[in-house]
Amino acid sequence: MSPVGEHPIIRAMAWDPDIYLTFAGPRFRPVLDLLQRVTHEAPARIIDLGCGTGNATPLMQRRWPDARITGVDGSPDMLARAREAHPDVTWIEADVAEWAPEETADLVFSNAALHWLDDHEDLFPRLVAMLAPGGQLAVQMPRNYHAPGLALVNETALDGPWRANLADAVRPVPVHEPAFYYRLIRPLVAELDIWETDFIHVLDGDNPVADWTKGAWMSPLLAALDEPERSEFEAEHRRRVALAYPKEPDGTTLFPFRRVFFVATV
């Protein structure tokens, strides 16, 4: 997919479930928003693409208790948490960019996963093709790459003595404007509901935005460096983030975060 902005994002991901789940509350809000806009009354087969630790699974099971749910993710560590918490669900370790179901689904759900993949021009038509008649594709992706919280990871990576070791770990912004997805998907479906939300996460901690990004964005970069360069890089990133997101008088930190959503019905 061609670049859609000037800031690169991390090319390779290495997920730390413990750090990721530290912010499970704020990260769970988009799941609720997306699921409540799904209108399918009784999907028999549900696919959760990029399911992570399976945080959406209990909501799906309560809403559609008779559905067969399959979670697909490329991280064995995240899937280990999902299997432990929900042993009654089918969990598949696979590359989401290449995986295809053996049968069509009534709901293909993906929360905060597809922005890690390139070639959205080909990806989303392929996902629509996974749906049975009347099925729905429900997607949420962060679209916050120009804000300091994510941009500073990459800017720091490319602005220091570690640049030579990290330059290959960044890539162009992966998510287009909402109009791009409307024009791409609308001709393929009967209905398309698309919207954006600016969440204002209120975080506790000394430097919580830096901790948030360390749970995903920073992990592959830190892994690419040896000491003492690793610690120096992380310290410089944390310094920049703390300046960009100062504490409020009550000690919390506000973290604005924009996300794009859509539910497509075939």
Protein backbone atom coordinates (compact mmCIF):
# COMPACT_ATOMS: atom_id res chain seq x y z
CA MET A 1 0.00 0.00 0.00
CA SER A 2 1.31 3.46 -0.79
CA PRO A 3 2.16 5.84 2.06
CA VAL A 4 -0.65 8.06 3.28
CA GLY A 5 1.40 10.34 5.55
CA GLU A 6 4.86 11.50 6.41
CA HIS A 7 5.34 9.62 9.68
CA PRO A 8 6.46 5.97 9.50
CA ILE A 9 5.24 3.30 11.90
CA ILE A 10 6.83 0.14 13.15
CA ARG A 11 7.12 -2.59 10.56
CA ALA A 12 7.55 -5.63 12.82
CA MET A 13 5.53 -6.30 15.96
CA ALA A 14 6.50 -8.13 19.15
CA TRP A 15 3.61 -8.14 21.62
CA ASP A 16 4.07 -8.18 25.39
CA PRO A 17 0.72 -9.37 26.84
CA ASP A 18 1.49 -8.16 30.36
CA ILE A 19 2.21 -4.59 29.28
CA TYR A 20 -0.62 -4.62 26.75
CA LEU A 21 -3.17 -5.72 29.37
CA THR A 22 -2.02 -2.97 31.75
CA PHE A 23 -4.24 -0.68 29.64
CA ALA A 24 -7.01 -3.23 29.06
CA GLY A 25 -9.68 -0.77 30.21
CA PRO A 26 -8.98 2.03 27.71
CA ARG A 27 -8.27 -0.48 24.94
CA PHE A 28 -11.58 -2.22 25.63
CA ARG A 29 -13.75 0.83 24.93
CA PRO A 30 -13.47 0.59 21.11
CA VAL A 31 -14.47 -3.09 21.28
CA LEU A 32 -17.76 -2.11 22.93
CA ASP A 33 -18.37 0.67 20.42
CA LEU A 34 -17.77 -1.63 17.47
CA LEU A 35 -19.83 -4.55 18.74
CA GLN A 36 -22.86 -2.43 19.53
CA ARG A 37 -23.06 -1.35 15.87
CA VAL A 38 -23.13 -4.96 14.62
CA THR A 39 -26.76 -5.62 13.66
CA HIS A 40 -26.64 -9.33 12.76
CA GLU A 41 -29.15 -10.99 15.08
CA ALA A 42 -27.76 -14.52 15.20
CA PRO A 43 -24.40 -15.14 13.49
CA ALA A 44 -23.70 -18.87 13.49
CA ARG A 45 -20.00 -18.53 12.68
CA ILE A 46 -17.80 -15.67 13.91
CA ILE A 47 -14.17 -15.01 13.01
CA ASP A 48 -12.12 -12.69 15.23
CA LEU A 49 -9.13 -11.58 13.14
CA GLY A 50 -6.15 -10.39 15.15
CA CYS A 51 -7.92 -11.57 18.30
CA GLY A 52 -4.97 -10.97 20.65
CA THR A 53 -5.81 -12.15 24.16
CA GLY A 54 -9.47 -12.65 23.23
CA ASN A 55 -10.81 -9.59 25.04
CA ALA A 56 -13.90 -9.45 22.80
CA THR A 57 -14.76 -13.13 23.26
CA PRO A 58 -16.90 -12.89 26.44
CA LEU A 59 -19.05 -10.15 24.90
CA MET A 60 -19.61 -12.19 21.75
CA GLN A 61 -20.42 -15.33 23.74
CA ARG A 62 -22.98 -13.51 25.88
CA ARG A 63 -24.64 -11.83 22.91
CA TRP A 64 -24.56 -14.87 20.60
CA PRO A 65 -24.29 -17.96 22.85
CA ASP A 66 -24.89 -20.41 20.00
CA ALA A 67 -22.20 -19.00 17.70
CA ARG A 68 -19.01 -20.85 16.81
CA ILE A 69 -16.14 -18.42 17.40
CA THR A 70 -12.69 -18.74 15.85
CA GLY A 71 -9.89 -16.42 16.93
CA VAL A 72 -6.93 -15.90 14.61
CA ASP A 73 -3.69 -14.20 15.62
CA GLY A 74 0.00 -14.36 14.79
CA SER A 75 1.28 -13.99 18.38
CA PRO A 76 1.71 -17.25 20.32
CA ASP A 77 2.02 -15.32 23.58
CA MET A 78 -1.27 -13.51 23.07
CA LEU A 79 -3.01 -16.72 22.02
CA ALA A 80 -1.71 -18.52 25.11
CA ARG A 81 -3.57 -15.98 27.24
CA ALA A 82 -6.67 -16.37 25.07
CA ARG A 83 -6.66 -20.18 25.34
CA GLU A 84 -6.20 -20.02 29.09
CA ALA A 85 -9.13 -17.64 29.54
CA HIS A 86 -11.45 -19.16 26.92
CA PRO A 87 -10.70 -22.86 26.30
CA ASP A 88 -14.07 -23.37 24.60
CA VAL A 89 -13.09 -21.18 21.62
CA THR A 90 -11.10 -22.31 18.58
CA TRP A 91 -7.79 -20.40 18.48
CA ILE A 92 -5.59 -20.45 15.37
CA GLU A 93 -2.03 -19.18 15.17
CA ALA A 94 -1.62 -17.83 11.64
CA ASP A 95 -0.60 -14.82 9.60
CA VAL A 96 -3.79 -12.77 9.39
CA ALA A 97 -2.61 -11.29 6.08
CA GLU A 98 -2.68 -14.73 4.43
CA TRP A 99 -5.12 -16.84 6.45
CA ALA A 100 -8.43 -17.80 4.89
CA PRO A 101 -11.36 -19.68 6.48
CA GLU A 102 -12.54 -23.04 5.19
CA GLU A 103 -16.12 -21.76 5.13
CA THR A 104 -17.76 -18.37 4.98
CA ALA A 105 -18.66 -16.50 8.17
CA ASP A 106 -21.66 -14.52 9.34
CA LEU A 107 -19.42 -12.03 11.17
CA VAL A 108 -15.78 -11.18 10.55
CA PHE A 109 -14.69 -9.00 13.46
CA SER A 110 -11.36 -7.22 13.81
CA ASN A 111 -10.49 -4.77 16.56
CA ALA A 112 -7.15 -2.91 16.39
CA ALA A 113 -5.37 -5.43 14.18
CA LEU A 114 -5.64 -4.71 10.46
CA HIS A 115 -3.58 -1.50 10.62
CA TRP A 116 -0.53 -3.75 11.02
CA LEU A 117 -1.10 -5.07 7.49
CA ASP A 118 -0.18 -3.51 4.15
CA ASP A 119 -2.07 -3.54 0.84
CA HIS A 120 -5.47 -2.49 2.17
CA GLU A 121 -6.64 -2.17 -1.44
CA ASP A 122 -6.46 -5.97 -1.69
CA LEU A 123 -7.04 -6.87 1.95
CA PHE A 124 -10.52 -5.48 2.50
CA PRO A 125 -12.15 -6.92 -0.64
CA ARG A 126 -10.70 -10.29 0.42
CA LEU A 127 -12.28 -9.92 3.86
CA VAL A 128 -15.66 -9.04 2.36
CA ALA A 129 -15.42 -12.22 0.28
CA MET A 130 -15.19 -14.26 3.52
CA LEU A 131 -18.79 -13.34 4.38
CA ALA A 132 -21.88 -15.46 3.89
CA PRO A 133 -24.96 -13.73 2.45
CA GLY A 134 -26.20 -11.21 4.98
CA GLY A 135 -22.88 -11.37 6.83
CA GLN A 136 -21.05 -8.41 8.32
CA LEU A 137 -17.47 -7.20 8.43
CA ALA A 138 -16.81 -5.11 11.57
CA VAL A 139 -13.46 -3.32 11.82
CA GLN A 140 -11.75 -0.81 14.09
CA MET A 141 -8.29 0.60 13.41
CA PRO A 142 -6.27 3.32 15.16
CA ARG A 143 -5.79 6.41 13.01
CA ASN A 144 -3.61 8.39 15.37
CA TYR A 145 -0.25 8.21 13.64
CA HIS A 146 0.38 11.94 13.37
CA ALA A 147 -0.20 12.54 17.07
CA PRO A 148 2.87 12.54 19.37
CA GLY A 149 1.92 9.32 21.14
CA LEU A 150 2.79 7.20 18.10
CA ALA A 151 4.87 9.56 15.97
CA LEU A 152 7.48 10.06 18.69
CA VAL A 153 8.35 6.35 18.68
CA ASN A 154 9.43 6.61 15.08
CA GLU A 155 10.90 10.08 15.26
CA THR A 156 13.12 8.99 18.15
CA ALA A 157 14.13 5.85 16.27
CA LEU A 158 15.29 7.93 13.31
CA ASP A 159 16.91 10.70 15.34
CA GLY A 160 19.86 9.33 17.24
CA PRO A 161 22.97 7.14 17.11
CA TRP A 162 20.69 4.07 16.94
CA ARG A 163 19.21 5.10 13.58
CA ALA A 164 21.39 2.73 11.56
CA ASN A 165 20.06 -0.23 13.56
CA LEU A 166 16.42 0.87 13.50
CA ALA A 167 15.81 2.49 10.11
CA ASP A 168 14.66 -0.79 8.55
CA ALA A 169 12.07 -1.29 11.31
CA VAL A 170 9.78 1.55 10.20
CA ARG A 171 7.30 1.84 7.36
CA PRO A 172 4.80 4.43 6.05
CA VAL A 173 1.54 5.10 7.84
CA PRO A 174 -0.80 2.18 7.06
CA VAL A 175 -4.30 3.65 7.50
CA HIS A 176 -6.04 5.88 4.96
CA GLU A 177 -8.69 8.54 5.44
CA PRO A 178 -12.22 7.14 6.03
CA ALA A 179 -13.26 8.19 2.51
CA PHE A 180 -10.74 5.73 1.08
CA TYR A 181 -12.43 2.80 2.83
CA TYR A 182 -15.88 4.02 1.86
CA ARG A 183 -14.93 4.16 -1.82
CA LEU A 184 -13.16 0.80 -1.63
CA ILE A 185 -15.82 -1.19 0.24
CA ARG A 186 -19.15 0.45 -0.59
CA PRO A 187 -19.40 -0.99 -4.15
CA LEU A 188 -18.90 -4.49 -2.72
CA VAL A 189 -21.61 -4.47 -0.05
CA ALA A 190 -25.27 -3.70 0.49
CA GLU A 191 -24.70 -1.31 3.41
CA LEU A 192 -21.72 0.45 4.96
CA ASP A 193 -21.70 2.26 8.31
CA ILE A 194 -18.45 4.20 8.80
CA TRP A 195 -17.39 6.62 11.53
CA GLU A 196 -14.47 7.98 13.56
CA THR A 197 -14.15 8.60 17.30
CA ASP A 198 -11.62 10.66 19.22
CA PHE A 199 -11.16 8.90 22.56
CA ILE A 200 -9.65 10.84 25.44
CA HIS A 201 -7.97 8.23 27.62
CA VAL A 202 -7.29 9.35 31.19
CA LEU A 203 -4.19 7.44 32.30
CA ASP A 204 -2.47 7.02 35.65
CA GLY A 205 1.25 6.57 36.21
CA ASP A 206 4.52 8.43 35.94
CA ASN A 207 4.78 8.35 32.12
CA PRO A 208 1.77 6.30 31.01
CA VAL A 209 1.76 7.17 27.31
CA ALA A 210 5.34 5.89 27.05
CA ASP A 211 4.25 2.74 28.90
CA TRP A 212 1.30 2.36 26.48
CA THR A 213 3.53 2.50 23.41
CA LYS A 214 6.11 0.19 24.98
CA GLY A 215 3.47 -2.52 25.05
CA ALA A 216 3.53 -2.69 21.24
CA TRP A 217 5.28 0.02 19.23
CA MET A 218 8.54 0.06 21.14
CA SER A 219 8.99 -3.69 21.63
CA PRO A 220 10.56 -4.62 18.24
CA LEU A 221 12.80 -1.54 18.33
CA LEU A 222 14.08 -2.31 21.79
CA ALA A 223 14.66 -5.91 20.75
CA ALA A 224 16.78 -4.73 17.81
CA LEU A 225 19.26 -2.91 20.06
CA ASP A 226 21.95 -4.05 22.48
CA GLU A 227 22.87 -2.36 25.72
CA PRO A 228 23.68 0.37 26.50
CA GLU A 229 22.05 1.66 23.29
CA ARG A 230 18.71 0.04 24.15
CA SER A 231 18.36 1.86 27.45
CA GLU A 232 19.57 5.13 25.95
CA PHE A 233 17.00 4.92 23.17
CA GLU A 234 14.17 4.13 25.56
CA ALA A 235 15.18 6.94 27.93
CA GLU A 236 15.19 9.46 25.09
CA HIS A 237 11.79 8.29 23.88
CA ARG A 238 10.33 8.53 27.38
CA ARG A 239 11.76 12.03 27.78
CA ARG A 240 10.10 13.24 24.58
CA VAL A 241 6.77 11.62 25.40
CA ALA A 242 6.71 13.14 28.89
CA LEU A 243 7.16 16.60 27.36
CA ALA A 244 4.42 15.99 24.78
CA TYR A 245 1.93 14.68 27.38
CA PRO A 246 2.34 16.66 30.62
CA LYS A 247 0.43 15.64 33.71
CA GLU A 248 -2.84 17.26 34.67
CA PRO A 249 -3.17 19.01 38.07
CA ASP A 250 -4.73 15.83 39.51
CA GLY A 251 -1.73 13.71 38.42
CA THR A 252 -3.39 11.96 35.48
CA THR A 253 -2.33 12.18 31.84
CA LEU A 254 -4.73 12.79 28.96
CA PHE A 255 -4.06 10.66 25.87
CA PRO A 256 -6.24 11.61 22.86
CA PHE A 257 -6.56 8.71 20.43
CA ARG A 258 -8.46 8.68 17.12
CA ARG A 259 -9.90 5.47 15.71
CA VAL A 260 -11.81 4.67 12.52
CA PHE A 261 -14.67 2.14 12.55
CA PHE A 262 -16.89 0.54 9.95
CA VAL A 263 -19.49 -2.21 9.69
CA ALA A 264 -20.15 -3.54 6.18
CA THR A 265 -23.13 -5.76 5.37
CA VAL A 266 -23.24 -7.94 2.25
